[in-house]
Protein backbone atom coordinates (compact mmCIF):
# COMPACT_ATOMS: atom_id res chain seq x y z
CA MET A 1 98.92 23.69 130.24
CA LEU A 2 97.76 21.16 127.66
CA ARG A 3 100.63 19.66 125.62
CA THR A 4 100.92 17.05 122.88
CA ILE A 5 103.73 14.52 122.70
CA VAL A 6 104.73 11.78 120.26
CA VAL A 7 105.24 8.33 121.76
CA GLY A 8 106.76 5.84 119.35
CA SER A 9 106.57 6.29 115.61
CA SER A 10 102.90 7.16 115.15
CA VAL A 11 101.16 7.51 118.52
CA SER A 12 100.47 10.95 119.97
CA VAL A 13 99.18 11.74 123.46
CA GLN A 14 97.62 14.99 124.66
CA GLY A 15 97.55 15.78 128.36
CA ILE A 16 98.46 18.16 131.16
CA PHE A 17 102.15 19.16 131.24
CA GLU A 18 103.94 17.66 134.27
CA ALA A 19 107.72 17.89 133.76
CA GLN A 20 110.61 18.57 131.38
CA LEU A 21 113.21 15.78 131.30
CA ASP A 22 116.96 16.29 130.83
CA ASN A 23 116.91 14.36 127.53
CA GLY A 24 114.50 16.85 125.90
CA LYS A 25 111.35 14.79 126.40
CA ILE A 26 108.37 16.03 128.41
CA VAL A 27 105.94 14.22 130.70
CA VAL A 28 102.17 14.70 130.43
CA ARG A 29 99.36 13.40 132.65
CA VAL A 30 96.18 11.80 131.30
CA ASP A 31 93.82 10.95 134.18
CA ASP A 32 96.07 8.96 136.55
CA ARG A 33 98.70 7.90 133.98
CA LEU A 34 101.96 9.61 133.01
CA TYR A 35 103.43 9.51 129.50
CA ALA A 36 106.87 10.69 128.36
CA GLY A 37 107.70 11.58 124.77
CA ARG A 38 108.98 14.12 122.30
CA PRO A 39 107.01 17.38 122.32
CA VAL A 40 105.09 18.34 119.18
CA VAL A 41 106.41 21.71 118.04
CA LYS A 42 104.07 24.25 116.50
CA LYS A 43 105.00 24.69 112.83
CA THR A 44 105.68 28.24 111.71
CA SER A 45 104.84 29.26 108.18
C-alpha cells in the first residue's frame, strides 16, 4: 500500500508501507531506502 509520511518540518516522502513502529511512526520503502516518519492523515470535511 502506498503511504505518505512527514520527515522533519517540511519534507514528505511517499513510498510502499513497510512497518508500524511502537512510537506511532511508520516506515516506507522508496527503491532500496527506508524512511521513518509521522503518517499523513486524510483530512475529513
